[in-house]
Amino acid sequence: AITSLELPGRSLQGEITSSLGNLTSLRTLNLSTNSFSGRLPPLGRLGKLEVLDLSWNSLRDAIPDGIANCSRLRILDLSMNSLVGELHPNVGLLSDDLLVLNLYGNRLTGTIPPSLGNMTHLEQLDLGNNSLSGSIPAELGKLLNLSILSLGENSLSGGIPQSLLNLSSLLGLSLGQNMLGVLPPNIGDALPNLRSLDLRSNMFDGHIPASIGNSSNIEDILLSRNNFSGPIPHSFGKLSKLYFL
């Protein structure tokens, strides 16, 4: 039985054959960095799949509800395609062992399903560069193992939920280019391990929180195109990189 199919970067094109859905013993399917177009292969019978990487293609499908049948997935990377439609709540029913969910750079619409908060072992969640709207679900604050949270380049509003400040293990937080509007003053104290913080273009106003400078490991801060006023906090003096452009 075939357990692994890995053909990244082979200049392959056309549609992905639906017969892949019959390879029920597959554990790894990596067809990334090709020129595949059309629909996703049928995934409902691939119950043993642990790694699914179809990133950097030109797939134009909706993410099927049946993806929830891939109950052993650890890595799901469909980034840099042209996937459309809403992110179905069934995505939140994926394996509790899921470590990486990367849907960056598609055309997904609708809201972020609160069910994503059920994937408690998740380490990387990237929904950036889509057309998602609504608020950031408070349930994401249950993802206590997250090191990367990227929700930038969408149309999210409603502020940063207080529950996100529970994610003290975060190394990277990208919320830039949304419409969040309100920035918690204690964000830096609550997220002491941050190395990268992107808050660009969010209609934030008032003073820049001095607590950001208390994240002693931070290297990159992007605060440009907001409506901040007042002085730069003294706590920023020890930070190596700071961008207001």
Protein backbone atom coordinates (compact mmCIF):
# COMPACT_ATOMS: atom_id res chain seq x y z
CA ALA A 1 0.00 0.00 0.00
CA ILE A 2 1.19 3.52 -0.80
CA THR A 3 1.72 5.51 2.38
CA SER A 4 3.56 8.55 1.00
CA LEU A 5 3.24 10.62 -2.19
CA GLU A 6 5.65 13.54 -2.29
CA LEU A 7 6.17 15.49 -5.53
CA PRO A 8 6.89 19.10 -4.51
CA GLY A 9 8.34 21.57 -6.98
CA ARG A 10 8.10 19.37 -10.08
CA SER A 11 6.36 21.88 -12.41
CA LEU A 12 3.29 19.62 -12.51
CA GLN A 13 0.07 21.10 -13.88
CA GLY A 14 -3.52 20.30 -14.68
CA GLU A 15 -6.03 18.96 -12.19
CA ILE A 16 -5.10 16.66 -9.32
CA THR A 17 -6.57 13.28 -10.20
CA SER A 18 -9.55 12.24 -8.12
CA SER A 19 -8.12 8.72 -7.93
CA LEU A 20 -5.89 9.95 -5.10
CA GLY A 21 -8.98 9.61 -2.96
CA ASN A 22 -8.66 5.85 -3.28
CA LEU A 23 -5.20 5.74 -1.67
CA THR A 24 -6.67 5.09 1.74
CA SER A 25 -3.29 4.13 3.29
CA LEU A 26 -1.70 7.53 2.55
CA ARG A 27 -0.06 9.21 5.50
CA THR A 28 1.74 11.98 3.61
CA LEU A 29 0.50 13.84 0.51
CA ASN A 30 2.77 16.67 -0.60
CA LEU A 31 2.13 18.22 -4.02
CA SER A 32 3.24 21.71 -3.04
CA THR A 33 4.88 24.31 -5.30
CA ASN A 34 3.48 23.09 -8.59
CA SER A 35 0.91 24.53 -10.99
CA PHE A 36 -2.09 22.36 -10.21
CA SER A 37 -5.46 23.99 -10.85
CA GLY A 38 -9.09 23.06 -10.45
CA ARG A 39 -10.52 21.23 -7.48
CA LEU A 40 -9.00 19.63 -4.43
CA PRO A 41 -8.74 15.83 -4.59
CA PRO A 42 -11.46 13.97 -2.63
CA LEU A 43 -10.23 13.69 0.93
CA GLY A 44 -13.07 11.97 2.75
CA ARG A 45 -11.56 8.48 2.65
CA LEU A 46 -8.00 9.47 3.59
CA GLY A 47 -8.49 8.73 7.26
CA LYS A 48 -4.82 7.87 7.88
CA LEU A 49 -3.44 11.09 6.41
CA GLU A 50 -1.05 12.91 8.75
CA VAL A 51 0.48 15.51 6.41
CA LEU A 52 -1.45 17.27 3.63
CA ASP A 53 0.53 19.95 1.82
CA LEU A 54 -0.96 21.37 -1.37
CA SER A 55 0.45 24.86 -0.89
CA TRP A 56 1.66 27.13 -3.69
CA ASN A 57 -0.62 25.90 -6.46
CA SER A 58 -3.63 27.44 -8.22
CA LEU A 59 -6.43 25.37 -6.72
CA ARG A 60 -9.81 27.09 -6.90
CA ASP A 61 -12.08 24.90 -4.80
CA ALA A 62 -13.90 25.34 -1.52
CA ILE A 63 -12.48 23.41 1.43
CA PRO A 64 -14.76 20.36 1.63
CA ASP A 65 -16.69 19.45 4.77
CA GLY A 66 -15.30 15.92 4.44
CA ILE A 67 -11.86 17.12 5.46
CA ALA A 68 -13.01 16.43 9.02
CA ASN A 69 -12.67 12.72 8.16
CA CYS A 70 -8.90 13.18 8.04
CA SER A 71 -8.85 12.55 11.74
CA ARG A 72 -5.10 11.98 12.10
CA LEU A 73 -3.83 15.14 10.44
CA ARG A 74 -0.88 16.87 12.07
CA ILE A 75 -0.09 19.34 9.26
CA LEU A 76 -2.66 20.91 6.93
CA ASP A 77 -1.12 23.44 4.54
CA LEU A 78 -3.31 24.77 1.72
CA SER A 79 -1.70 28.20 1.62
CA MET A 80 -1.11 30.27 -1.52
CA ASN A 81 -3.94 28.94 -3.66
CA SER A 82 -7.23 30.50 -4.73
CA LEU A 83 -9.55 28.61 -2.39
CA VAL A 84 -12.97 30.21 -1.95
CA GLY A 85 -16.03 30.00 0.27
CA GLU A 86 -16.37 30.00 4.01
CA LEU A 87 -14.23 28.13 6.47
CA HIS A 88 -16.64 25.39 7.55
CA PRO A 89 -16.98 24.77 11.32
CA ASN A 90 -16.11 21.11 10.57
CA VAL A 91 -12.51 22.21 10.19
CA GLY A 92 -12.53 22.53 13.95
CA LEU A 93 -13.33 18.81 14.19
CA LEU A 94 -9.95 17.87 12.75
CA SER A 95 -7.58 15.80 14.81
CA ASP A 96 -6.74 17.05 18.26
CA ASP A 97 -3.18 16.24 17.16
CA LEU A 98 -3.19 18.98 14.48
CA LEU A 99 -0.08 21.11 14.91
CA VAL A 100 -0.17 23.37 11.82
CA LEU A 101 -3.17 24.89 10.04
CA ASN A 102 -2.01 27.19 7.24
CA LEU A 103 -4.60 28.69 4.89
CA TYR A 104 -2.69 31.92 4.16
CA GLY A 105 -3.11 33.62 0.81
CA ASN A 106 -6.47 32.35 -0.45
CA ARG A 107 -9.87 33.96 -1.06
CA LEU A 108 -11.76 32.62 1.93
CA THR A 109 -14.77 34.63 3.11
CA GLY A 110 -17.11 34.63 6.09
CA THR A 111 -16.10 34.47 9.72
CA ILE A 112 -13.48 32.52 11.68
CA PRO A 113 -15.26 29.48 13.18
CA PRO A 114 -15.12 29.40 16.99
CA SER A 115 -14.67 25.62 16.63
CA LEU A 116 -11.00 26.22 15.80
CA GLY A 117 -10.53 26.65 19.52
CA ASN A 118 -11.02 22.89 19.91
CA MET A 119 -7.65 22.11 18.30
CA THR A 120 -5.80 22.51 21.56
CA HIS A 121 -2.44 21.14 20.38
CA LEU A 122 -2.19 23.65 17.52
CA GLU A 123 1.18 25.40 17.33
CA GLN A 124 0.72 27.48 14.15
CA LEU A 125 -2.52 29.03 12.89
CA ASP A 126 -2.27 31.17 9.77
CA LEU A 127 -5.44 32.55 8.18
CA GLY A 128 -3.79 35.69 6.85
CA ASN A 129 -4.33 37.33 3.45
CA ASN A 130 -7.92 36.21 2.88
CA SER A 131 -11.25 38.08 2.99
CA LEU A 132 -12.41 36.98 6.43
CA SER A 133 -14.70 39.32 8.36
CA GLY A 134 -16.40 39.56 11.74
CA SER A 135 -14.64 39.37 15.06
CA ILE A 136 -11.76 37.23 16.33
CA PRO A 137 -13.40 34.37 18.26
CA ALA A 138 -12.64 34.39 21.96
CA GLU A 139 -12.29 30.60 21.69
CA LEU A 140 -8.86 31.02 20.08
CA GLY A 141 -7.65 31.87 23.55
CA LYS A 142 -7.86 28.16 24.38
CA LEU A 143 -4.99 27.37 21.99
CA LEU A 144 -2.37 27.56 24.71
CA ASN A 145 0.33 25.83 22.63
CA LEU A 146 0.27 28.41 19.83
CA SER A 147 3.62 29.91 18.89
CA ILE A 148 2.41 31.62 15.67
CA LEU A 149 -0.98 33.32 15.20
CA SER A 150 -1.43 35.13 11.89
CA LEU A 151 -4.78 36.75 11.06
CA GLY A 152 -3.48 39.77 9.15
CA GLU A 153 -4.68 41.11 5.80
CA ASN A 154 -8.38 40.39 6.32
CA SER A 155 -11.37 42.54 7.30
CA LEU A 156 -11.63 41.60 10.96
CA SER A 157 -13.15 44.03 13.45
CA GLY A 158 -14.32 44.17 17.05
CA GLY A 159 -11.01 44.50 18.85
CA ILE A 160 -8.56 41.96 20.24
CA PRO A 161 -10.38 39.60 22.61
CA GLN A 162 -9.00 39.50 26.12
CA SER A 163 -8.73 35.71 25.85
CA LEU A 164 -5.90 36.05 23.31
CA LEU A 165 -3.79 37.47 26.10
CA ASN A 166 -3.79 33.97 27.63
CA LEU A 167 -1.47 32.82 24.81
CA SER A 168 1.74 33.51 26.68
CA SER A 169 3.69 31.06 24.48
CA LEU A 170 3.20 33.22 21.35
CA LEU A 171 6.37 34.10 19.48
CA GLY A 172 4.67 35.75 16.51
CA LEU A 173 1.38 37.68 16.41
CA SER A 174 0.24 39.15 13.11
CA LEU A 175 -3.01 41.14 13.12
CA GLY A 176 -2.02 43.85 10.64
CA GLN A 177 -4.30 45.29 7.98
CA ASN A 178 -7.64 44.70 9.65
CA MET A 179 -10.09 47.03 11.41
CA LEU A 180 -9.66 45.97 15.03
CA GLY A 181 -9.73 49.47 16.50
CA VAL A 182 -8.91 48.72 20.18
CA LEU A 183 -5.51 47.64 21.52
CA PRO A 184 -5.33 46.16 25.06
CA PRO A 185 -2.88 48.23 27.14
CA ASN A 186 -1.40 45.12 28.80
CA ILE A 187 -0.67 43.25 25.55
CA GLY A 188 3.10 43.22 26.09
CA ASP A 189 2.93 42.07 29.71
CA ALA A 190 0.54 39.24 28.78
CA LEU A 191 2.67 38.07 25.83
CA PRO A 192 6.22 38.23 27.21
CA ASN A 193 7.79 35.85 24.67
CA LEU A 194 6.85 37.75 21.52
CA ARG A 195 9.55 38.16 18.91
CA SER A 196 7.38 39.68 16.17
CA LEU A 197 4.28 41.86 16.48
CA ASP A 198 2.40 43.23 13.46
CA LEU A 199 -0.40 45.69 14.26
CA ARG A 200 -0.27 47.80 11.11
CA SER A 201 -3.36 49.50 9.64
CA ASN A 202 -5.94 48.76 12.30
CA MET A 203 -7.34 52.19 13.21
CA PHE A 204 -5.76 51.97 16.67
CA ASP A 205 -5.64 55.32 18.48
CA GLY A 206 -4.54 56.71 21.82
CA HIS A 207 -1.13 56.02 23.32
CA ILE A 208 1.11 53.17 22.21
CA PRO A 209 1.02 50.66 25.09
CA ALA A 210 4.27 50.91 27.05
CA SER A 211 3.85 47.22 27.94
CA ILE A 212 4.97 46.24 24.42
CA GLY A 213 8.49 47.25 25.36
CA ASN A 214 8.39 44.74 28.22
CA SER A 215 8.48 41.80 25.79
CA SER A 216 12.22 41.47 26.17
CA ASN A 217 12.68 39.10 23.21
CA ILE A 218 10.84 41.24 20.68
CA GLU A 219 12.75 42.07 17.50
CA ASP A 220 10.16 43.38 15.06
CA ILE A 221 7.24 45.70 15.77
CA LEU A 222 5.06 47.07 12.98
CA LEU A 223 2.70 49.84 14.09
CA SER A 224 2.38 51.93 10.93
CA ARG A 225 -0.81 53.46 9.51
CA ASN A 226 -2.67 53.77 12.80
CA ASN A 227 -3.80 56.88 14.69
CA PHE A 228 -1.52 56.69 17.71
CA SER A 229 -0.74 59.89 19.58
CA GLY A 230 1.64 60.92 22.32
CA PRO A 231 5.29 60.01 22.81
CA ILE A 232 7.01 56.74 22.03
CA PRO A 233 7.19 54.82 25.33
CA HIS A 234 10.57 54.86 27.10
CA SER A 235 10.33 51.06 27.34
CA PHE A 236 10.93 50.88 23.58
CA GLY A 237 14.48 52.17 23.97
CA LYS A 238 15.97 48.70 24.33
CA LEU A 239 14.22 47.19 21.31
CA SER A 240 16.34 46.45 18.25
CA LYS A 241 13.83 47.05 15.47
CA LEU A 242 10.86 49.37 15.35
CA TYR A 243 8.76 50.30 12.33
CA PHE A 244 6.22 53.11 12.15
CA LEU A 245 6.33 53.57 8.38
